[in-house]
């Protein structure tokens, strides 16, 4: 019996996630989305074709605590003790980077749905395949929109001092310089900031057309509240990675979210087959609306099944071959791993621009994906 295929004829997949610790909220949405996809997959026949047709999938979850070293140990155990043929998950960039190293050392494929730091698919790792776009490409749609619809003269860039935040902030600064947009502030901050007001005082003095931030959920909530307290009124407040489009963000800040713009890899109204159905089913099952984290995990589960259906066996060399030949549409969008420029085994996922309109995220860019037009928020984004 091959490794990863138990006597009861099923294929096990190792899924390391932050199930406890500060990133557990995101890990929970990943976990629930994986479980929902797994139930659907096995209820529809599991692996439907190929050498292992009829075999159900089994996801073996383990807790990384959101820490790189713990993630490394968890994956080493999944590979050595559970003999899983593929690793999927990881969530954050630091943990994904550690997992990628372990998988390369053991020649085990690693499917990363969410890590964003550029170097994840820029390094020497041969076994890592990433669905999520690299951080420096997360804002490409937003950049196109800014040139087309806003045409700002100046920008303040406030970025989280992490791999993701730094990569994104530096990419935006370079883009501004290439397009003649003055960067009046380029300021890093520590994650889980206690107070943005000293930094925002500088922003107030410079009065930029656009404030661009890489703020994650809790930092984004505090940032927006303090912008309103200080009565700072840019022509546009724009975020990255979908933070400002998250249902949890909108619920926490209420009308302060109105007209804020965010780059996003996914929102529930996107015109991808099955996206709305996924969001509806998730809310019905778990009681909350999913954001892009849920769509990432859900899509990854279906990519994983597709790989097993096309692979000649679950030996690493055949799984790697099948991953390289992946070409599938998911609720997150198209998934096709290619090598280009500095990247290897990277999916070029289109990025969207969404705006909060009437308390809901609406896709406003690109035009072919738009479900609503842009509402000019000048002087009004912060209204209660």
Protein backbone atom coordinates (compact mmCIF):
# COMPACT_ATOMS: atom_id res chain seq x y z
CA UNK A 1 0.00 0.00 0.00
CA UNK A 2 1.59 3.36 -1.03
CA UNK A 3 2.46 5.98 1.58
CA UNK A 4 -0.54 8.16 2.43
CA UNK A 5 -3.07 5.47 1.41
CA UNK A 6 -4.42 3.69 4.45
CA UNK A 7 -5.76 0.14 4.55
CA UNK A 8 -9.29 1.55 4.41
CA UNK A 9 -8.41 2.94 0.99
CA UNK A 10 -8.28 6.68 1.55
CA UNK A 11 -5.72 9.36 0.80
CA UNK A 12 -4.52 11.52 3.69
CA UNK A 13 -3.38 15.12 3.29
CA UNK A 14 -1.47 17.02 5.97
CA UNK A 15 -3.02 20.40 6.80
CA UNK A 16 -1.04 22.54 9.28
CA UNK A 17 -2.99 25.61 10.47
CA UNK A 18 -2.93 28.22 13.29
CA UNK A 19 -5.77 26.73 15.32
CA UNK A 20 -4.75 28.55 18.51
CA UNK A 21 -2.78 31.73 19.13
CA UNK A 22 -3.19 35.25 17.69
CA UNK A 23 -3.90 34.02 14.14
CA UNK A 24 -6.47 31.44 15.22
CA UNK A 25 -9.38 33.45 13.82
CA UNK A 26 -7.99 33.10 10.30
CA UNK A 27 -7.05 29.49 10.97
CA UNK A 28 -10.62 28.80 12.05
CA UNK A 29 -12.04 30.07 8.76
CA UNK A 30 -9.50 28.01 6.83
CA UNK A 31 -10.33 24.97 8.95
CA UNK A 32 -14.08 25.31 8.49
CA UNK A 33 -13.71 25.88 4.74
CA UNK A 34 -11.49 22.82 4.37
CA UNK A 35 -14.02 20.74 6.27
CA UNK A 36 -16.90 21.99 4.14
CA UNK A 37 -15.01 21.25 0.92
CA UNK A 38 -13.93 17.85 2.22
CA UNK A 39 -17.52 16.90 3.02
CA UNK A 40 -18.61 17.93 -0.49
CA UNK A 41 -15.73 16.10 -2.15
CA UNK A 42 -16.30 12.83 -0.31
CA UNK A 43 -20.09 13.03 -0.70
CA UNK A 44 -19.55 13.30 -4.46
CA UNK A 45 -17.31 10.25 -4.68
CA UNK A 46 -13.97 11.45 -3.36
CA UNK A 47 -11.32 10.94 -6.00
CA UNK A 48 -13.50 10.52 -9.09
CA UNK A 49 -11.02 9.24 -11.65
CA UNK A 50 -7.51 8.00 -12.17
CA UNK A 51 -5.57 5.37 -10.27
CA UNK A 52 -7.30 6.13 -6.95
CA UNK A 53 -10.85 6.56 -8.24
CA UNK A 54 -13.37 5.98 -5.44
CA UNK A 55 -10.91 6.75 -2.63
CA UNK A 56 -12.11 9.40 -0.14
CA UNK A 57 -9.83 12.18 1.02
CA UNK A 58 -8.83 12.67 4.65
CA UNK A 59 -7.43 15.95 5.96
CA UNK A 60 -5.10 15.58 8.96
CA UNK A 61 -5.14 18.94 10.75
CA UNK A 62 -2.45 20.02 13.20
CA UNK A 63 -1.88 23.26 15.09
CA UNK A 64 1.10 25.47 14.16
CA UNK A 65 0.20 28.08 16.83
CA UNK A 66 1.00 30.56 14.04
CA UNK A 67 4.73 30.04 14.72
CA UNK A 68 7.34 29.07 12.13
CA UNK A 69 9.24 26.64 14.34
CA UNK A 70 6.05 24.90 15.48
CA UNK A 71 4.94 24.69 11.87
CA UNK A 72 8.21 23.03 10.97
CA UNK A 73 7.81 20.40 13.70
CA UNK A 74 4.16 19.75 12.81
CA UNK A 75 5.01 19.14 9.17
CA UNK A 76 7.97 16.93 10.00
CA UNK A 77 5.59 14.80 12.09
CA UNK A 78 2.93 14.66 9.38
CA UNK A 79 5.51 13.51 6.86
CA UNK A 80 7.44 11.05 9.04
CA UNK A 81 4.63 9.57 11.17
CA UNK A 82 1.51 9.98 9.05
CA UNK A 83 3.29 9.47 5.71
CA UNK A 84 1.15 12.11 3.98
CA UNK A 85 2.00 12.51 0.27
CA UNK A 86 1.20 16.24 0.19
CA UNK A 87 1.06 19.19 2.59
CA UNK A 88 -1.57 21.91 2.18
CA UNK A 89 -2.15 25.03 4.31
CA UNK A 90 0.16 27.00 6.58
CA UNK A 91 -1.61 30.40 6.40
CA UNK A 92 1.06 33.04 7.23
CA UNK A 93 4.22 33.73 5.23
CA UNK A 94 6.67 33.00 8.04
CA UNK A 95 5.10 29.61 8.73
CA UNK A 96 4.73 28.81 5.02
CA UNK A 97 8.40 29.55 4.45
CA UNK A 98 9.38 27.09 7.19
CA UNK A 99 6.99 24.48 5.78
CA UNK A 100 8.40 24.99 2.28
CA UNK A 101 11.90 24.23 3.53
CA UNK A 102 10.79 21.02 5.27
CA UNK A 103 8.86 19.89 2.19
CA UNK A 104 11.83 20.54 -0.07
CA UNK A 105 14.12 18.62 2.25
CA UNK A 106 11.71 15.67 2.13
CA UNK A 107 10.74 16.11 -1.54
CA UNK A 108 7.05 16.42 -0.58
CA UNK A 109 4.71 18.77 -2.50
CA UNK A 110 3.43 21.80 -0.59
CA UNK A 111 0.26 23.56 -1.77
CA UNK A 112 0.11 27.04 -0.22
CA UNK A 113 -3.27 28.79 -0.55
CA UNK A 114 -2.63 31.98 1.38
CA UNK A 115 0.96 32.98 2.20
CA UNK A 116 1.80 36.21 0.38
CA UNK A 117 5.45 37.21 0.94
CA UNK A 118 7.20 37.40 -2.42
CA UNK A 119 10.04 35.14 -1.45
CA UNK A 120 7.82 32.09 -0.89
CA UNK A 121 7.94 31.34 -4.62
CA UNK A 122 11.14 33.26 -5.36
CA UNK A 123 13.38 30.98 -3.34
CA UNK A 124 15.04 27.75 -4.28
CA UNK A 125 12.02 25.73 -3.14
CA UNK A 126 11.12 23.28 -5.88
CA UNK A 127 8.15 21.63 -4.17
CA UNK A 128 6.10 24.70 -3.22
CA UNK A 129 3.10 25.78 -5.32
CA UNK A 130 1.22 28.94 -4.33
CA UNK A 131 -2.39 29.80 -5.21
CA UNK A 132 -2.40 33.27 -3.65
CA UNK A 133 -0.66 36.06 -5.61
CA UNK A 134 2.67 37.33 -4.23
CA UNK A 135 2.44 40.45 -2.08
CA UNK A 136 3.99 42.74 -4.69
CA UNK A 137 1.19 41.79 -7.10
CA UNK A 138 -1.73 42.13 -4.67
CA UNK A 139 -2.22 45.78 -5.58
CA UNK A 140 -1.92 45.50 -9.38
CA UNK A 141 -5.67 45.88 -9.87
CA UNK A 142 -5.76 48.78 -7.41
CA UNK A 143 -2.90 50.48 -9.23
CA UNK A 144 -4.71 50.18 -12.57
CA UNK A 145 -7.83 51.62 -10.95
CA UNK A 146 -5.95 54.54 -9.39
CA UNK A 147 -4.43 55.54 -12.72
CA UNK A 148 -7.73 55.17 -14.54
CA UNK A 149 -10.25 56.55 -12.07
CA UNK A 150 -8.54 58.60 -9.34
CA UNK A 151 -5.23 59.89 -10.79
CA UNK A 152 -3.74 60.93 -7.42
CA UNK A 153 -0.84 63.36 -7.15
CA UNK A 154 0.36 62.21 -3.72
CA UNK A 155 0.17 59.19 -1.46
CA UNK A 156 0.95 58.24 2.14
CA UNK A 157 2.01 54.59 2.47
CA UNK A 158 1.51 53.09 5.94
CA UNK A 159 2.72 49.51 6.04
CA UNK A 160 2.89 46.74 8.60
CA UNK A 161 6.43 45.78 9.56
CA UNK A 162 6.07 42.15 8.39
CA UNK A 163 7.16 40.25 5.29
CA UNK A 164 3.80 40.82 3.66
CA UNK A 165 3.49 44.46 4.68
CA UNK A 166 7.04 45.38 3.69
CA UNK A 167 6.83 43.62 0.31
CA UNK A 168 3.52 45.34 -0.47
CA UNK A 169 4.61 48.75 0.78
CA UNK A 170 7.85 48.72 -1.18
CA UNK A 171 6.05 47.56 -4.33
CA UNK A 172 3.54 50.42 -4.02
CA UNK A 173 6.32 52.96 -3.44
CA UNK A 174 8.14 51.77 -6.56
CA UNK A 175 4.93 51.98 -8.58
CA UNK A 176 4.29 55.54 -7.37
CA UNK A 177 7.79 56.60 -8.39
CA UNK A 178 7.33 55.07 -11.84
CA UNK A 179 4.04 56.92 -12.32
CA UNK A 180 4.94 60.34 -10.98
CA UNK A 181 2.94 60.07 -7.75
CA UNK A 182 4.70 61.75 -4.83
CA UNK A 183 5.12 59.51 -1.78
CA UNK A 184 4.86 62.03 1.05
CA UNK A 185 5.05 59.43 3.84
CA UNK A 186 6.50 55.93 3.77
CA UNK A 187 6.04 54.72 7.32
CA UNK A 188 6.24 51.22 8.85
CA UNK A 189 4.43 50.26 12.03
CA UNK A 190 4.46 47.28 14.35
CA UNK A 191 1.60 44.77 13.97
CA UNK A 192 -1.14 45.02 16.61
CA UNK A 193 -0.42 48.73 16.99
CA UNK A 194 -1.72 50.36 20.13
CA UNK A 195 -1.98 53.86 18.67
CA UNK A 196 -1.71 55.26 15.16
CA UNK A 197 -2.17 58.90 16.17
CA UNK A 198 1.53 59.94 16.15
CA UNK A 199 1.86 58.57 12.61
CA UNK A 200 -1.48 60.03 11.55
CA UNK A 201 -0.45 63.45 12.80
CA UNK A 202 2.27 63.37 10.15
CA UNK A 203 -0.29 62.27 7.57
CA UNK A 204 -2.55 65.18 8.54
CA UNK A 205 0.27 67.65 7.99
CA UNK A 206 1.09 66.28 4.52
CA UNK A 207 -2.58 66.07 3.37
CA UNK A 208 -2.06 63.31 0.73
CA UNK A 209 -4.63 62.54 -1.95
CA UNK A 210 -4.52 58.84 -1.10
CA UNK A 211 -3.71 56.98 2.10
CA UNK A 212 -2.65 53.44 1.27
CA UNK A 213 -2.23 50.91 4.06
CA UNK A 214 -1.41 47.23 4.45
CA UNK A 215 -3.28 47.09 7.77
CA UNK A 216 -4.71 43.72 8.81
CA UNK A 217 -8.09 43.43 10.49
CA UNK A 218 -7.52 44.73 14.05
CA UNK A 219 -5.04 47.39 12.97
CA UNK A 220 -7.38 48.45 10.17
CA UNK A 221 -10.24 48.91 12.64
CA UNK A 222 -8.11 51.13 14.90
CA UNK A 223 -6.64 53.06 11.98
CA UNK A 224 -10.03 53.97 10.52
CA UNK A 225 -11.46 55.00 13.88
CA UNK A 226 -8.49 57.26 14.58
CA UNK A 227 -8.58 58.79 11.09
CA UNK A 228 -12.18 59.78 11.82
CA UNK A 229 -11.28 61.11 15.30
CA UNK A 230 -8.58 63.32 13.78
CA UNK A 231 -10.87 64.38 10.92
CA UNK A 232 -8.32 63.35 8.29
CA UNK A 233 -10.03 63.44 4.91
CA UNK A 234 -7.99 62.04 2.02
CA UNK A 235 -9.53 61.83 -1.43
CA UNK A 236 -9.33 58.08 -0.95
CA UNK A 237 -8.47 55.56 1.75
CA UNK A 238 -7.27 52.33 0.17
CA UNK A 239 -6.21 49.04 1.70
CA UNK A 240 -4.74 45.76 0.62
CA UNK A 241 -5.47 42.06 0.96
CA UNK A 242 -9.19 42.61 1.38
CA UNK A 243 -9.02 43.80 5.00
CA UNK A 244 -11.47 46.64 4.42
CA UNK A 245 -13.80 44.29 2.56
CA UNK A 246 -14.00 41.74 5.37
CA UNK A 247 -17.46 41.33 6.92
CA UNK A 248 -15.81 41.48 10.35
CA UNK A 249 -14.28 44.89 9.56
CA UNK A 250 -17.55 46.35 8.29
CA UNK A 251 -19.41 45.04 11.34
CA UNK A 252 -16.88 46.57 13.75
CA UNK A 253 -16.61 50.07 12.26
CA UNK A 254 -20.12 50.46 10.82
CA UNK A 255 -20.63 53.54 8.65
CA UNK A 256 -16.96 54.48 8.97
CA UNK A 257 -16.34 51.78 6.36
CA UNK A 258 -18.57 53.41 3.75
CA UNK A 259 -16.81 54.16 0.44
CA UNK A 260 -13.43 52.77 1.56
CA UNK A 261 -11.62 51.00 -1.28
CA UNK A 262 -9.57 47.83 -1.01
CA UNK A 263 -7.56 45.57 -3.24
CA UNK A 264 -8.84 42.04 -2.83
CA UNK A 265 -8.26 38.59 -4.21
CA UNK A 266 -11.88 37.62 -3.56
CA UNK A 267 -15.27 38.87 -2.39
CA UNK A 268 -18.53 36.96 -2.36
CA UNK A 269 -20.04 38.89 -5.29
CA UNK A 270 -17.15 38.11 -7.66
CA UNK A 271 -18.22 36.60 -10.97
CA UNK A 272 -16.56 33.20 -10.51
CA UNK A 273 -18.70 30.10 -10.82
CA UNK A 274 -19.70 28.82 -7.39
CA UNK A 275 -18.41 31.84 -5.42
CA UNK A 276 -21.82 33.06 -4.26
CA UNK A 277 -22.95 29.50 -3.53
CA UNK A 278 -19.85 28.92 -1.41
CA UNK A 279 -20.48 32.09 0.59
CA UNK A 280 -24.14 31.26 1.08
CA UNK A 281 -23.45 27.69 2.18
CA UNK A 282 -20.65 28.75 4.53
CA UNK A 283 -22.87 31.30 6.25
CA UNK A 284 -25.67 28.77 6.54
CA UNK A 285 -23.33 26.18 8.03
CA UNK A 286 -21.22 28.32 10.35
CA UNK A 287 -23.36 31.42 10.96
CA UNK A 288 -20.87 34.00 9.68
CA UNK A 289 -19.93 35.30 6.24
CA UNK A 290 -16.64 34.05 4.79
CA UNK A 291 -13.96 36.36 3.49
CA UNK A 292 -11.11 35.58 1.12
CA UNK A 293 -9.40 33.33 3.67
CA UNK A 294 -12.28 30.89 3.44
CA UNK A 295 -12.29 30.99 -0.36
CA UNK A 296 -8.54 30.29 -0.41
CA UNK A 297 -8.85 27.14 1.66
CA UNK A 298 -11.98 25.94 -0.10
CA UNK A 299 -10.33 26.38 -3.49
CA UNK A 300 -7.15 24.65 -2.33
CA UNK A 301 -9.12 21.56 -1.31
CA UNK A 302 -10.54 21.25 -4.82
CA UNK A 303 -7.14 21.85 -6.41
CA UNK A 304 -5.82 19.05 -4.20
CA UNK A 305 -8.51 16.64 -5.42
CA UNK A 306 -7.84 17.64 -9.03
CA UNK A 307 -4.13 16.87 -8.58
CA UNK A 308 -4.84 13.39 -7.20
CA UNK A 309 -7.25 12.69 -10.05
CA UNK A 310 -4.61 13.53 -12.67
CA UNK A 311 -1.51 12.15 -10.99
CA UNK A 312 -0.15 8.80 -12.15
CA UNK A 313 0.44 7.88 -8.50
CA UNK A 314 0.85 9.58 -5.15
CA UNK A 315 4.62 9.38 -5.40
CA UNK A 316 6.10 12.85 -5.05
CA UNK A 317 7.51 12.99 -8.58
CA UNK A 318 4.08 12.29 -10.08
CA UNK A 319 2.24 14.70 -7.76
CA UNK A 320 4.74 17.44 -8.60
CA UNK A 321 4.20 16.75 -12.28
CA UNK A 322 0.42 16.96 -11.82
CA UNK A 323 0.74 20.22 -9.86
CA UNK A 324 2.81 21.75 -12.65
CA UNK A 325 0.07 20.78 -15.14
CA UNK A 326 -2.78 22.22 -13.04
CA UNK A 327 -5.31 24.31 -14.96
CA UNK A 328 -8.57 24.59 -13.01
CA UNK A 329 -11.22 27.22 -12.27
CA UNK A 330 -12.16 27.55 -8.60
CA UNK A 331 -14.40 29.82 -6.51
CA UNK A 332 -11.24 31.88 -5.89
CA UNK A 333 -10.55 32.18 -9.61
CA UNK A 334 -8.27 30.41 -12.09
CA UNK A 335 -5.42 28.27 -10.76
CA UNK A 336 -2.50 27.50 -13.06
CA UNK A 337 1.03 27.27 -11.73
CA UNK A 338 3.69 28.84 -13.94
CA UNK A 339 7.23 30.16 -13.68
CA UNK A 340 7.85 33.77 -14.74
CA UNK A 341 10.27 36.57 -13.93
CA UNK A 342 11.46 35.87 -10.36
CA UNK A 343 8.77 33.33 -9.54
CA UNK A 344 8.47 29.56 -9.70
CA UNK A 345 5.27 27.49 -9.42
CA UNK A 346 3.19 30.63 -8.89
CA UNK A 347 -0.47 31.17 -9.76
CA UNK A 348 -1.20 34.53 -11.41
CA UNK A 349 -4.53 35.19 -9.75
CA UNK A 350 -6.30 38.36 -10.94
CA UNK A 351 -6.73 40.97 -8.20
CA UNK A 352 -9.93 42.94 -7.72
CA UNK A 353 -10.81 46.36 -6.34
CA UNK A 354 -13.82 46.56 -4.06
CA UNK A 355 -15.56 49.49 -2.43
CA UNK A 356 -17.86 49.41 0.57
CA UNK A 357 -21.23 50.62 -0.65
CA UNK A 358 -24.30 50.57 1.59
CA UNK A 359 -22.51 48.35 4.07
CA UNK A 360 -21.47 45.69 1.52
CA UNK A 361 -18.29 45.18 -0.53
CA UNK A 362 -18.97 45.73 -4.24
CA UNK A 363 -16.49 44.91 -6.99
CA UNK A 364 -15.64 48.07 -8.96
CA UNK A 365 -12.53 46.90 -10.89
CA UNK A 366 -11.64 45.51 -13.38
CA UNK A 367 -14.56 46.65 -15.57
CA UNK A 368 -15.34 43.14 -16.80
CA UNK A 369 -15.72 41.90 -13.21
CA UNK A 370 -17.44 44.99 -11.78
CA UNK A 371 -20.81 44.65 -10.10
CA UNK A 372 -21.05 48.37 -9.26
CA UNK A 373 -19.59 51.72 -10.27
CA UNK A 374 -17.09 53.73 -8.23
CA UNK A 375 -18.59 56.17 -5.74
CA UNK A 376 -16.35 59.21 -5.31
CA UNK A 377 -15.83 59.41 -1.54
CA UNK A 378 -14.26 62.89 -1.44
CA UNK A 379 -14.89 64.38 1.97
CA UNK A 380 -17.44 61.72 2.83
CA UNK A 381 -15.75 58.40 3.50
CA UNK A 382 -15.72 58.94 7.25
CA UNK A 383 -19.33 60.06 7.63
CA UNK A 384 -21.26 58.38 10.41
